[in-house]
Amino acid sequence: MDKKFVLSSSDKKIAGVCGGIAEYFGIDTLLVRIAFVVFAVIGSLSFWVYLLLWLLAPKSK
């Protein structure tokens, strides 16, 4: 089974990055969003990771 990370087109608030991560790992989207917010408050790395994924990840069809 070939599993690829793609931006979610159905479960998105901004760009579909968190929805895509949640679909890829089979977890709840809310948990991914909370993790990104917590890590963004602690440091700016999650912001840059989110931005890079938004720009570089393929969109779902």
N, C-alpha and C. Protein backbone atom coordinates (compact mmCIF):
# COMPACT_ATOMS: atom_id res chain seq x y z
N MET A 1 0.85 -1.18 0.00
CA MET A 1 0.00 0.00 0.00
C MET A 1 0.89 1.24 0.00
N ASP A 2 0.69 2.08 -0.96
CA ASP A 2 1.48 3.31 -1.09
C ASP A 2 0.70 4.48 -0.50
N LYS A 3 1.13 4.94 0.67
CA LYS A 3 0.46 6.03 1.36
C LYS A 3 1.27 7.30 1.16
N LYS A 4 0.62 8.38 0.70
CA LYS A 4 1.29 9.66 0.47
C LYS A 4 0.59 10.74 1.27
N PHE A 5 1.38 11.69 1.72
CA PHE A 5 0.82 12.86 2.40
C PHE A 5 0.36 13.86 1.36
N VAL A 6 -0.89 14.30 1.46
CA VAL A 6 -1.43 15.34 0.59
C VAL A 6 -2.23 16.31 1.46
N LEU A 7 -2.35 17.53 1.00
CA LEU A 7 -3.19 18.51 1.69
C LEU A 7 -4.64 18.07 1.57
N SER A 8 -5.37 18.19 2.65
CA SER A 8 -6.77 17.79 2.66
C SER A 8 -7.61 18.85 1.97
N SER A 9 -8.49 18.40 1.11
CA SER A 9 -9.41 19.35 0.46
C SER A 9 -10.75 19.39 1.18
N SER A 10 -11.03 18.38 2.00
CA SER A 10 -12.32 18.32 2.68
C SER A 10 -12.25 18.75 4.14
N ASP A 11 -11.11 18.58 4.78
CA ASP A 11 -10.97 18.91 6.20
C ASP A 11 -9.90 19.97 6.38
N LYS A 12 -10.27 21.21 6.07
CA LYS A 12 -9.28 22.27 6.18
C LYS A 12 -9.90 23.53 6.77
N LYS A 13 -9.08 24.26 7.48
CA LYS A 13 -9.46 25.58 8.00
C LYS A 13 -8.69 26.66 7.26
N ILE A 14 -7.40 26.43 7.03
CA ILE A 14 -6.58 27.40 6.31
C ILE A 14 -6.09 26.80 5.00
N ALA A 15 -5.23 25.78 5.11
CA ALA A 15 -4.63 25.22 3.90
C ALA A 15 -4.82 23.72 3.76
N GLY A 16 -5.29 23.06 4.79
CA GLY A 16 -5.47 21.61 4.75
C GLY A 16 -4.28 20.81 5.25
N VAL A 17 -3.31 21.49 5.83
CA VAL A 17 -2.11 20.81 6.32
C VAL A 17 -2.47 19.90 7.49
N CYS A 18 -3.14 20.41 8.49
CA CYS A 18 -3.49 19.61 9.66
C CYS A 18 -4.44 18.47 9.28
N GLY A 19 -5.38 18.74 8.41
CA GLY A 19 -6.29 17.70 7.93
C GLY A 19 -5.54 16.61 7.19
N GLY A 20 -4.57 17.00 6.39
CA GLY A 20 -3.76 16.03 5.66
C GLY A 20 -2.91 15.18 6.59
N ILE A 21 -2.33 15.79 7.61
CA ILE A 21 -1.54 15.05 8.59
C ILE A 21 -2.44 14.07 9.34
N ALA A 22 -3.61 14.52 9.75
CA ALA A 22 -4.54 13.66 10.47
C ALA A 22 -4.98 12.48 9.60
N GLU A 23 -5.27 12.72 8.34
CA GLU A 23 -5.66 11.63 7.43
C GLU A 23 -4.50 10.65 7.23
N TYR A 24 -3.30 11.15 7.10
CA TYR A 24 -2.13 10.31 6.88
C TYR A 24 -1.88 9.37 8.06
N PHE A 25 -1.97 9.89 9.28
CA PHE A 25 -1.70 9.10 10.46
C PHE A 25 -2.94 8.44 11.06
N GLY A 26 -4.12 8.77 10.54
CA GLY A 26 -5.36 8.17 11.03
C GLY A 26 -5.75 8.64 12.41
N ILE A 27 -5.53 9.92 12.71
CA ILE A 27 -5.89 10.48 14.00
C ILE A 27 -6.86 11.65 13.81
N ASP A 28 -7.39 12.13 14.91
CA ASP A 28 -8.36 13.23 14.87
C ASP A 28 -7.66 14.54 14.49
N THR A 29 -8.29 15.30 13.62
CA THR A 29 -7.73 16.56 13.16
C THR A 29 -7.56 17.56 14.30
N LEU A 30 -8.47 17.54 15.24
CA LEU A 30 -8.40 18.47 16.37
C LEU A 30 -7.10 18.28 17.15
N LEU A 31 -6.67 17.03 17.32
CA LEU A 31 -5.41 16.77 18.04
C LEU A 31 -4.22 17.38 17.30
N VAL A 32 -4.22 17.28 15.99
CA VAL A 32 -3.13 17.84 15.19
C VAL A 32 -3.14 19.35 15.29
N ARG A 33 -4.31 19.95 15.22
CA ARG A 33 -4.40 21.42 15.32
C ARG A 33 -3.95 21.92 16.69
N ILE A 34 -4.35 21.21 17.74
CA ILE A 34 -3.92 21.60 19.09
C ILE A 34 -2.40 21.50 19.21
N ALA A 35 -1.84 20.44 18.66
CA ALA A 35 -0.38 20.26 18.72
C ALA A 35 0.33 21.40 17.99
N PHE A 36 -0.16 21.79 16.82
CA PHE A 36 0.46 22.90 16.09
C PHE A 36 0.38 24.19 16.89
N VAL A 37 -0.74 24.46 17.53
CA VAL A 37 -0.89 25.68 18.32
C VAL A 37 0.04 25.66 19.53
N VAL A 38 0.10 24.54 20.22
CA VAL A 38 0.98 24.43 21.39
C VAL A 38 2.43 24.64 20.98
N PHE A 39 2.85 23.97 19.91
CA PHE A 39 4.23 24.13 19.47
C PHE A 39 4.50 25.54 18.93
N ALA A 40 3.50 26.19 18.38
CA ALA A 40 3.68 27.56 17.90
C ALA A 40 3.87 28.52 19.08
N VAL A 41 3.19 28.25 20.19
CA VAL A 41 3.34 29.09 21.37
C VAL A 41 4.71 28.87 22.00
N ILE A 42 5.16 27.63 22.02
CA ILE A 42 6.46 27.30 22.62
C ILE A 42 7.61 27.86 21.77
N GLY A 43 7.50 27.72 20.48
CA GLY A 43 8.55 28.19 19.57
C GLY A 43 7.98 28.35 18.18
N SER A 44 8.73 28.91 17.29
CA SER A 44 8.19 29.21 15.96
C SER A 44 8.41 28.09 14.95
N LEU A 45 8.98 26.96 15.36
CA LEU A 45 9.27 25.88 14.42
C LEU A 45 8.01 25.34 13.75
N SER A 46 6.93 25.17 14.51
CA SER A 46 5.71 24.62 13.91
C SER A 46 5.15 25.56 12.84
N PHE A 47 5.32 26.86 13.02
CA PHE A 47 4.87 27.80 11.99
C PHE A 47 5.60 27.55 10.68
N TRP A 48 6.92 27.38 10.76
CA TRP A 48 7.72 27.17 9.55
C TRP A 48 7.43 25.81 8.92
N VAL A 49 7.21 24.80 9.76
CA VAL A 49 6.85 23.47 9.24
C VAL A 49 5.52 23.55 8.51
N TYR A 50 4.54 24.22 9.13
CA TYR A 50 3.22 24.38 8.51
C TYR A 50 3.36 25.10 7.16
N LEU A 51 4.11 26.18 7.14
CA LEU A 51 4.29 26.96 5.92
C LEU A 51 4.95 26.13 4.82
N LEU A 52 6.00 25.38 5.17
CA LEU A 52 6.68 24.54 4.18
C LEU A 52 5.75 23.44 3.66
N LEU A 53 5.00 22.81 4.54
CA LEU A 53 4.06 21.78 4.08
C LEU A 53 3.00 22.38 3.17
N TRP A 54 2.51 23.56 3.51
CA TRP A 54 1.51 24.24 2.70
C TRP A 54 2.05 24.50 1.29
N LEU A 55 3.29 24.94 1.21
CA LEU A 55 3.87 25.30 -0.08
C LEU A 55 4.34 24.10 -0.90
N LEU A 56 4.81 23.04 -0.23
CA LEU A 56 5.45 21.95 -0.95
C LEU A 56 4.60 20.69 -1.12
N ALA A 57 3.62 20.49 -0.26
CA ALA A 57 2.83 19.26 -0.34
C ALA A 57 1.83 19.33 -1.49
N PRO A 58 1.60 18.19 -2.15
CA PRO A 58 0.60 18.17 -3.22
C PRO A 58 -0.80 18.25 -2.65
N LYS A 59 -1.71 18.79 -3.45
CA LYS A 59 -3.12 18.88 -3.04
C LYS A 59 -3.83 17.58 -3.38
N SER A 60 -4.82 17.25 -2.57
CA SER A 60 -5.60 16.04 -2.85
C SER A 60 -6.51 16.30 -4.04
N LYS A 61 -6.86 15.24 -4.70
CA LYS A 61 -7.70 15.37 -5.91
C LYS A 61 -9.13 15.09 -5.63
